[in-house]
Amino acid sequence: MGFGKAVATAFKKYVTFSGRASRSEYWWFFLFYVLVLVAAGMLDAAVGNLEQGYIGYAVILVMFVPNISISVRRLHDINMSGWWYLVFLVPIVGIFFMVFWFTKKGDEGDNRFGSDPLGADVGEVFA
């Protein structure tokens, strides 16, 4: 899945906590999120709101639910409950667990959370 398709899919499914999200979908959306935050920070600095960061806060607020939903779907892809997202709240250690899980290859074929988000494309790409 490419950059544009991943971002479009993430926003299309922004309140969908069921199903699965592939690694590429998650990481392309994460890159988009970081780029938008950097741009918001630059805009805040340009208009003199660097200390308040109103634009950055608005971006975080708008992206809050899509970020959680794609993270939950990513956990579903490795056959883990979305409730494991709460591990993120554990200082320092939680971040390491999340990065490990989000970089882990998803289950091939169907699992208890749905069908493989890559479907038949995996075999064609890596054959």
N, C-alpha and C. Protein backbone atom coordinates (compact mmCIF):
# COMPACT_ATOMS: atom_id res chain seq x y z
N MET A 1 0.85 -1.17 0.00
CA MET A 1 0.00 0.00 0.00
C MET A 1 0.90 1.23 0.00
N GLY A 2 0.56 2.18 -0.85
CA GLY A 2 1.34 3.39 -0.96
C GLY A 2 0.92 4.47 0.02
N PHE A 3 1.66 5.58 -0.02
CA PHE A 3 1.44 6.69 0.91
C PHE A 3 0.03 7.25 0.82
N GLY A 4 -0.38 7.64 -0.37
CA GLY A 4 -1.69 8.26 -0.54
C GLY A 4 -2.84 7.33 -0.18
N LYS A 5 -2.74 6.09 -0.61
CA LYS A 5 -3.80 5.12 -0.32
C LYS A 5 -3.88 4.84 1.17
N ALA A 6 -2.74 4.77 1.84
CA ALA A 6 -2.72 4.51 3.28
C ALA A 6 -3.39 5.65 4.05
N VAL A 7 -3.07 6.88 3.69
CA VAL A 7 -3.66 8.03 4.37
C VAL A 7 -5.16 8.10 4.09
N ALA A 8 -5.54 7.87 2.85
CA ALA A 8 -6.96 7.88 2.49
C ALA A 8 -7.73 6.79 3.24
N THR A 9 -7.15 5.61 3.32
CA THR A 9 -7.79 4.49 4.03
C THR A 9 -7.92 4.80 5.51
N ALA A 10 -6.89 5.38 6.09
CA ALA A 10 -6.93 5.70 7.52
C ALA A 10 -8.03 6.71 7.82
N PHE A 11 -8.20 7.71 6.98
CA PHE A 11 -9.25 8.69 7.22
C PHE A 11 -10.63 8.15 6.85
N LYS A 12 -10.69 7.25 5.89
CA LYS A 12 -11.97 6.65 5.54
C LYS A 12 -12.47 5.76 6.68
N LYS A 13 -11.54 5.11 7.37
CA LYS A 13 -11.89 4.21 8.48
C LYS A 13 -11.55 4.85 9.83
N TYR A 14 -11.70 6.15 9.94
CA TYR A 14 -11.20 6.85 11.13
C TYR A 14 -11.92 6.49 12.42
N VAL A 15 -13.13 5.93 12.36
CA VAL A 15 -13.81 5.48 13.57
C VAL A 15 -14.06 3.98 13.53
N THR A 16 -13.37 3.27 12.65
CA THR A 16 -13.51 1.83 12.54
C THR A 16 -12.42 1.16 13.36
N PHE A 17 -12.83 0.55 14.46
CA PHE A 17 -11.87 -0.11 15.33
C PHE A 17 -11.85 -1.61 15.10
N SER A 18 -12.62 -2.10 14.16
CA SER A 18 -12.62 -3.52 13.83
C SER A 18 -11.85 -3.71 12.52
N GLY A 19 -11.43 -4.92 12.27
CA GLY A 19 -10.67 -5.20 11.07
C GLY A 19 -9.18 -5.11 11.33
N ARG A 20 -8.43 -5.07 10.25
CA ARG A 20 -6.98 -5.12 10.35
C ARG A 20 -6.34 -4.04 9.48
N ALA A 21 -5.14 -3.61 9.87
CA ALA A 21 -4.36 -2.64 9.10
C ALA A 21 -2.96 -3.21 8.91
N SER A 22 -2.48 -3.18 7.69
CA SER A 22 -1.15 -3.71 7.40
C SER A 22 -0.05 -2.80 7.95
N ARG A 23 1.16 -3.33 7.98
CA ARG A 23 2.30 -2.52 8.44
C ARG A 23 2.46 -1.28 7.59
N SER A 24 2.38 -1.46 6.27
CA SER A 24 2.59 -0.31 5.39
C SER A 24 1.52 0.76 5.61
N GLU A 25 0.28 0.33 5.80
CA GLU A 25 -0.79 1.30 6.07
C GLU A 25 -0.50 2.09 7.33
N TYR A 26 -0.11 1.39 8.39
CA TYR A 26 0.17 2.07 9.65
C TYR A 26 1.36 3.02 9.51
N TRP A 27 2.48 2.57 8.97
CA TRP A 27 3.69 3.39 8.95
C TRP A 27 3.60 4.55 7.97
N TRP A 28 2.87 4.37 6.86
CA TRP A 28 2.66 5.51 5.96
C TRP A 28 1.80 6.57 6.64
N PHE A 29 0.78 6.14 7.39
CA PHE A 29 -0.05 7.10 8.12
C PHE A 29 0.78 7.77 9.22
N PHE A 30 1.64 7.02 9.88
CA PHE A 30 2.49 7.60 10.92
C PHE A 30 3.41 8.68 10.32
N LEU A 31 3.98 8.39 9.15
CA LEU A 31 4.82 9.39 8.47
C LEU A 31 3.99 10.64 8.15
N PHE A 32 2.78 10.46 7.64
CA PHE A 32 1.90 11.58 7.34
C PHE A 32 1.64 12.41 8.61
N TYR A 33 1.36 11.72 9.71
CA TYR A 33 1.08 12.38 10.98
C TYR A 33 2.28 13.22 11.43
N VAL A 34 3.47 12.67 11.35
CA VAL A 34 4.68 13.39 11.76
C VAL A 34 4.90 14.60 10.85
N LEU A 35 4.73 14.42 9.54
CA LEU A 35 4.93 15.54 8.61
C LEU A 35 3.93 16.66 8.86
N VAL A 36 2.68 16.30 9.16
CA VAL A 36 1.67 17.32 9.45
C VAL A 36 1.99 18.03 10.76
N LEU A 37 2.48 17.29 11.76
CA LEU A 37 2.87 17.93 13.02
C LEU A 37 4.05 18.89 12.83
N VAL A 38 5.01 18.50 12.02
CA VAL A 38 6.15 19.38 11.75
C VAL A 38 5.68 20.64 11.03
N ALA A 39 4.81 20.47 10.04
CA ALA A 39 4.28 21.63 9.31
C ALA A 39 3.48 22.53 10.25
N ALA A 40 2.71 21.94 11.15
CA ALA A 40 1.94 22.73 12.12
C ALA A 40 2.87 23.50 13.04
N GLY A 41 3.96 22.86 13.46
CA GLY A 41 4.94 23.55 14.30
C GLY A 41 5.58 24.71 13.58
N MET A 42 5.87 24.53 12.29
CA MET A 42 6.45 25.61 11.50
C MET A 42 5.46 26.76 11.33
N LEU A 43 4.19 26.42 11.13
CA LEU A 43 3.16 27.47 11.02
C LEU A 43 2.99 28.21 12.34
N ASP A 44 3.00 27.48 13.43
CA ASP A 44 2.92 28.12 14.74
C ASP A 44 4.09 29.09 14.94
N ALA A 45 5.28 28.66 14.54
CA ALA A 45 6.45 29.53 14.67
C ALA A 45 6.34 30.75 13.76
N ALA A 46 5.82 30.54 12.57
CA ALA A 46 5.72 31.65 11.60
C ALA A 46 4.73 32.72 12.05
N VAL A 47 3.67 32.31 12.72
CA VAL A 47 2.67 33.30 13.16
C VAL A 47 2.91 33.75 14.59
N GLY A 48 3.96 33.26 15.21
CA GLY A 48 4.31 33.71 16.55
C GLY A 48 3.59 32.99 17.67
N ASN A 49 3.02 31.84 17.39
CA ASN A 49 2.29 31.08 18.41
C ASN A 49 3.09 29.87 18.89
N LEU A 50 4.40 29.93 18.81
CA LEU A 50 5.20 28.74 19.13
C LEU A 50 4.98 28.27 20.55
N GLU A 51 4.86 29.20 21.49
CA GLU A 51 4.66 28.79 22.89
C GLU A 51 3.28 28.18 23.11
N GLN A 52 2.25 28.75 22.49
CA GLN A 52 0.90 28.22 22.66
C GLN A 52 0.67 27.03 21.74
N GLY A 53 1.15 27.08 20.53
CA GLY A 53 1.04 25.98 19.58
C GLY A 53 -0.38 25.62 19.21
N TYR A 54 -1.22 26.61 18.95
CA TYR A 54 -2.62 26.35 18.66
C TYR A 54 -2.82 25.46 17.44
N ILE A 55 -2.04 25.67 16.41
CA ILE A 55 -2.19 24.87 15.20
C ILE A 55 -1.77 23.43 15.47
N GLY A 56 -0.68 23.25 16.21
CA GLY A 56 -0.23 21.91 16.57
C GLY A 56 -1.25 21.18 17.42
N TYR A 57 -1.86 21.88 18.36
CA TYR A 57 -2.90 21.26 19.19
C TYR A 57 -4.12 20.89 18.35
N ALA A 58 -4.46 21.72 17.38
CA ALA A 58 -5.59 21.41 16.51
C ALA A 58 -5.31 20.15 15.69
N VAL A 59 -4.08 20.02 15.20
CA VAL A 59 -3.70 18.83 14.43
C VAL A 59 -3.78 17.59 15.32
N ILE A 60 -3.27 17.68 16.52
CA ILE A 60 -3.32 16.54 17.44
C ILE A 60 -4.76 16.16 17.73
N LEU A 61 -5.61 17.14 17.92
CA LEU A 61 -7.02 16.89 18.20
C LEU A 61 -7.72 16.22 17.02
N VAL A 62 -7.46 16.71 15.81
CA VAL A 62 -8.08 16.15 14.61
C VAL A 62 -7.59 14.73 14.35
N MET A 63 -6.32 14.47 14.61
CA MET A 63 -5.73 13.16 14.30
C MET A 63 -5.82 12.17 15.45
N PHE A 64 -6.39 12.55 16.58
CA PHE A 64 -6.43 11.70 17.76
C PHE A 64 -7.17 10.38 17.50
N VAL A 65 -8.40 10.46 17.05
CA VAL A 65 -9.19 9.25 16.83
C VAL A 65 -8.64 8.40 15.67
N PRO A 66 -8.29 9.00 14.51
CA PRO A 66 -7.72 8.17 13.45
C PRO A 66 -6.44 7.45 13.88
N ASN A 67 -5.62 8.10 14.70
CA ASN A 67 -4.38 7.49 15.17
C ASN A 67 -4.67 6.28 16.06
N ILE A 68 -5.64 6.40 16.94
CA ILE A 68 -5.98 5.28 17.81
C ILE A 68 -6.62 4.15 17.00
N SER A 69 -7.50 4.48 16.08
CA SER A 69 -8.18 3.43 15.32
C SER A 69 -7.22 2.65 14.43
N ILE A 70 -6.27 3.32 13.79
CA ILE A 70 -5.33 2.58 12.95
C ILE A 70 -4.38 1.77 13.83
N SER A 71 -4.07 2.25 15.02
CA SER A 71 -3.22 1.48 15.94
C SER A 71 -3.93 0.22 16.41
N VAL A 72 -5.21 0.33 16.72
CA VAL A 72 -5.98 -0.84 17.14
C VAL A 72 -6.07 -1.85 16.00
N ARG A 73 -6.33 -1.36 14.79
CA ARG A 73 -6.40 -2.28 13.64
C ARG A 73 -5.05 -2.91 13.36
N ARG A 74 -3.97 -2.18 13.63
CA ARG A 74 -2.62 -2.75 13.44
C ARG A 74 -2.39 -3.88 14.45
N LEU A 75 -2.82 -3.68 15.70
CA LEU A 75 -2.72 -4.73 16.70
C LEU A 75 -3.56 -5.93 16.29
N HIS A 76 -4.72 -5.70 15.71
CA HIS A 76 -5.55 -6.81 15.23
C HIS A 76 -4.83 -7.60 14.15
N ASP A 77 -4.02 -6.93 13.34
CA ASP A 77 -3.31 -7.62 12.26
C ASP A 77 -2.32 -8.65 12.80
N ILE A 78 -1.79 -8.43 14.00
CA ILE A 78 -0.88 -9.41 14.60
C ILE A 78 -1.62 -10.28 15.62
N ASN A 79 -2.95 -10.30 15.50
CA ASN A 79 -3.83 -11.16 16.31
C ASN A 79 -3.78 -10.81 17.80
N MET A 80 -3.73 -9.52 18.09
CA MET A 80 -3.77 -9.05 19.47
C MET A 80 -4.99 -8.15 19.64
N SER A 81 -5.55 -8.17 20.83
CA SER A 81 -6.70 -7.32 21.14
C SER A 81 -6.28 -5.86 21.08
N GLY A 82 -7.22 -5.01 20.69
CA GLY A 82 -6.96 -3.58 20.66
C GLY A 82 -6.72 -2.98 22.03
N TRP A 83 -7.16 -3.66 23.07
CA TRP A 83 -6.94 -3.18 24.43
C TRP A 83 -5.45 -3.13 24.78
N TRP A 84 -4.62 -3.86 24.04
CA TRP A 84 -3.18 -3.80 24.28
C TRP A 84 -2.62 -2.41 23.97
N TYR A 85 -3.39 -1.58 23.28
CA TYR A 85 -2.96 -0.21 23.00
C TYR A 85 -2.71 0.56 24.29
N LEU A 86 -3.38 0.17 25.36
CA LEU A 86 -3.20 0.84 26.65
C LEU A 86 -1.80 0.65 27.23
N VAL A 87 -1.04 -0.32 26.71
CA VAL A 87 0.35 -0.50 27.13
C VAL A 87 1.14 0.76 26.84
N PHE A 88 0.69 1.52 25.86
CA PHE A 88 1.33 2.78 25.50
C PHE A 88 1.38 3.75 26.67
N LEU A 89 0.47 3.60 27.62
CA LEU A 89 0.42 4.49 28.77
C LEU A 89 1.51 4.21 29.81
N VAL A 90 2.17 3.05 29.70
CA VAL A 90 3.26 2.73 30.62
C VAL A 90 4.48 3.53 30.18
N PRO A 91 5.01 4.36 31.05
CA PRO A 91 6.14 5.22 30.64
C PRO A 91 7.33 4.40 30.13
N ILE A 92 7.93 4.89 29.07
CA ILE A 92 9.13 4.39 28.42
C ILE A 92 8.97 2.96 27.91
N VAL A 93 8.70 2.01 28.77
CA VAL A 93 8.61 0.60 28.36
C VAL A 93 7.47 0.39 27.37
N GLY A 94 6.36 1.06 27.57
CA GLY A 94 5.21 0.92 26.69
C GLY A 94 5.52 1.28 25.26
N ILE A 95 6.33 2.29 25.06
CA ILE A 95 6.70 2.72 23.70
C ILE A 95 7.50 1.63 23.01
N PHE A 96 8.40 0.97 23.72
CA PHE A 96 9.19 -0.10 23.12
C PHE A 96 8.32 -1.27 22.70
N PHE A 97 7.34 -1.63 23.54
CA PHE A 97 6.42 -2.69 23.17
C PHE A 97 5.62 -2.31 21.92
N MET A 98 5.13 -1.09 21.88
CA MET A 98 4.32 -0.67 20.74
C MET A 98 5.13 -0.67 19.44
N VAL A 99 6.34 -0.17 19.48
CA VAL A 99 7.18 -0.16 18.28
C VAL A 99 7.46 -1.59 17.83
N PHE A 100 7.75 -2.46 18.78
CA PHE A 100 8.00 -3.87 18.43
C PHE A 100 6.77 -4.48 17.77
N TRP A 101 5.59 -4.28 18.37
CA TRP A 101 4.37 -4.87 17.82
C TRP A 101 4.01 -4.27 16.47
N PHE A 102 4.19 -2.96 16.32
CA PHE A 102 3.80 -2.32 15.08
C PHE A 102 4.75 -2.64 13.92
N THR A 103 5.97 -3.08 14.23
CA THR A 103 6.89 -3.48 13.16
C THR A 103 6.83 -4.98 12.87
N LYS A 104 6.10 -5.71 13.67
CA LYS A 104 5.97 -7.15 13.50
C LYS A 104 5.09 -7.46 12.28
N LYS A 105 5.46 -8.50 11.55
CA LYS A 105 4.70 -8.90 10.38
C LYS A 105 3.32 -9.39 10.80
N GLY A 106 2.30 -9.01 10.07
CA GLY A 106 0.94 -9.42 10.37
C GLY A 106 0.70 -10.88 10.04
N ASP A 107 -0.36 -11.43 10.60
CA ASP A 107 -0.73 -12.82 10.31
C ASP A 107 -1.12 -12.96 8.85
N GLU A 108 -0.62 -14.03 8.23
CA GLU A 108 -1.02 -14.31 6.85
C GLU A 108 -2.37 -14.99 6.87
N GLY A 109 -3.22 -14.63 5.95
CA GLY A 109 -4.55 -15.21 5.90
C GLY A 109 -5.45 -14.59 6.96
N ASP A 110 -6.56 -15.24 7.18
CA ASP A 110 -7.54 -14.73 8.14
C ASP A 110 -7.11 -15.00 9.57
N ASN A 111 -7.50 -14.12 10.47
CA ASN A 111 -7.38 -14.38 11.90
C ASN A 111 -8.70 -13.99 12.55
N ARG A 112 -8.77 -13.98 13.86
CA ARG A 112 -10.04 -13.74 14.53
C ARG A 112 -10.59 -12.33 14.34
N PHE A 113 -9.77 -11.43 13.80
CA PHE A 113 -10.21 -10.04 13.61
C PHE A 113 -10.58 -9.72 12.18
N GLY A 114 -10.42 -10.67 11.28
CA GLY A 114 -10.82 -10.43 9.89
C GLY A 114 -9.85 -11.02 8.91
N SER A 115 -10.07 -10.65 7.66
CA SER A 115 -9.23 -11.18 6.59
C SER A 115 -7.94 -10.37 6.48
N ASP A 116 -6.99 -10.96 5.79
CA ASP A 116 -5.68 -10.34 5.59
C ASP A 116 -5.85 -9.03 4.81
N PRO A 117 -5.36 -7.89 5.35
CA PRO A 117 -5.56 -6.62 4.65
C PRO A 117 -4.81 -6.55 3.32
N LEU A 118 -3.77 -7.34 3.17
CA LEU A 118 -3.03 -7.34 1.91
C LEU A 118 -3.62 -8.34 0.92
N GLY A 119 -4.35 -9.30 1.41
CA GLY A 119 -5.01 -10.27 0.55
C GLY A 119 -4.03 -11.03 -0.32
N ALA A 120 -4.37 -11.17 -1.58
CA ALA A 120 -3.54 -11.93 -2.52
C ALA A 120 -2.34 -11.13 -3.00
N ASP A 121 -2.29 -9.84 -2.71
CA ASP A 121 -1.19 -9.00 -3.18
C ASP A 121 0.16 -9.43 -2.63
N VAL A 122 0.19 -10.03 -1.44
CA VAL A 122 1.45 -10.41 -0.82
C VAL A 122 2.16 -11.45 -1.66
N GLY A 123 1.45 -12.45 -2.10
CA GLY A 123 2.05 -13.50 -2.91
C GLY A 123 2.58 -12.99 -4.23
N GLU A 124 1.87 -12.04 -4.83
CA GLU A 124 2.29 -11.50 -6.12
C GLU A 124 3.52 -10.62 -5.98
N VAL A 125 3.61 -9.86 -4.92
CA VAL A 125 4.73 -8.94 -4.74
C VAL A 125 6.01 -9.69 -4.39
N PHE A 126 5.91 -10.66 -3.50
CA PHE A 126 7.09 -11.35 -3.01
C PHE A 126 7.33 -12.70 -3.67
N ALA A 127 6.63 -13.00 -4.73
CA ALA A 127 6.80 -14.30 -5.40
C ALA A 127 8.04 -14.31 -6.27
